[in-house]
Amino acid sequence: MRRAGIELNGRTQYSLRHTFYTEMLKRIPEKDVKKMAGHWALRKEYDHRQVVDFLRNAQPMNEIVNSL
């Protein structure tokens, strides 16, 4: 952490894992994050996305929903 210039401020390495997985889940499909993590299943407690993240990804559906 010192080499990376990151202050832990009481955080553990697990905090970084949660942040990394959350940010990756915002950008790539969950199946790819699982593969990258080397897991068969991604633990849901690693996923800290917010509702706004899901809405941002759902933008392409707006036209479909509005046309119905």
Protein backbone atom coordinates (compact mmCIF):
# COMPACT_ATOMS: atom_id res chain seq x y z
CA MET A 1 0.00 0.00 0.00
CA ARG A 2 2.86 2.35 0.77
CA ARG A 3 4.39 1.77 -2.66
CA ALA A 4 1.02 2.55 -4.27
CA GLY A 5 0.65 5.69 -2.17
CA ILE A 6 -2.65 4.57 -0.66
CA GLU A 7 -3.43 5.35 2.95
CA LEU A 8 -5.28 2.50 4.61
CA ASN A 9 -6.91 4.65 7.30
CA GLY A 10 -8.25 1.53 9.03
CA ARG A 11 -9.29 -0.23 5.83
CA THR A 12 -8.25 -3.80 5.16
CA GLN A 13 -7.18 -5.53 1.98
CA TYR A 14 -10.77 -6.75 1.73
CA SER A 15 -11.94 -3.17 1.30
CA LEU A 16 -9.80 -2.93 -1.79
CA ARG A 17 -11.18 -6.22 -3.09
CA HIS A 18 -14.74 -4.96 -2.67
CA THR A 19 -13.91 -1.68 -4.41
CA PHE A 20 -12.15 -3.45 -7.28
CA TYR A 21 -14.98 -5.92 -7.88
CA THR A 22 -17.63 -3.20 -7.60
CA GLU A 23 -15.87 -1.03 -10.17
CA MET A 24 -15.34 -3.98 -12.51
CA LEU A 25 -19.01 -5.00 -12.21
CA LYS A 26 -19.95 -1.50 -13.40
CA ARG A 27 -17.95 -2.04 -16.58
CA ILE A 28 -17.98 -5.70 -17.60
CA PRO A 29 -20.43 -8.61 -17.25
CA GLU A 30 -20.48 -10.50 -13.95
CA LYS A 31 -19.43 -13.75 -15.66
CA ASP A 32 -16.22 -12.06 -16.80
CA VAL A 33 -15.52 -10.61 -13.35
CA LYS A 34 -15.95 -14.11 -11.89
CA LYS A 35 -13.46 -15.54 -14.37
CA MET A 36 -10.98 -12.77 -13.71
CA ALA A 37 -11.31 -13.32 -9.96
CA GLY A 38 -10.88 -17.05 -10.39
CA HIS A 39 -14.19 -17.77 -8.69
CA TRP A 40 -17.04 -20.12 -9.61
CA ALA A 41 -19.46 -17.67 -8.00
CA LEU A 42 -18.98 -14.05 -7.09
CA ARG A 43 -19.91 -13.33 -3.52
CA LYS A 44 -22.69 -10.76 -3.39
CA GLU A 45 -21.07 -8.91 -0.50
CA TYR A 46 -18.36 -7.85 -2.97
CA ASP A 47 -20.96 -6.01 -5.04
CA HIS A 48 -21.56 -2.49 -3.74
CA ARG A 49 -23.14 -1.01 -6.84
CA GLN A 50 -25.84 1.58 -6.29
CA VAL A 51 -29.22 1.92 -8.00
CA VAL A 52 -27.82 4.70 -10.18
CA ASP A 53 -25.27 2.21 -11.59
CA PHE A 54 -28.06 -0.14 -12.69
CA LEU A 55 -30.07 2.74 -14.16
CA ARG A 56 -27.01 3.94 -16.08
CA ASN A 57 -26.63 0.47 -17.61
CA ALA A 58 -30.35 0.31 -18.42
CA GLN A 59 -30.31 3.47 -20.55
CA PRO A 60 -30.58 1.52 -23.85
CA MET A 61 -33.87 0.06 -22.61
CA ASN A 62 -35.49 3.50 -22.25
CA GLU A 63 -36.58 3.64 -25.89
CA ILE A 64 -38.03 0.13 -25.72
CA VAL A 65 -39.92 0.80 -22.49
CA ASN A 66 -41.21 4.16 -23.72
CA SER A 67 -42.43 2.64 -26.97
CA LEU A 68 -44.53 0.10 -25.08
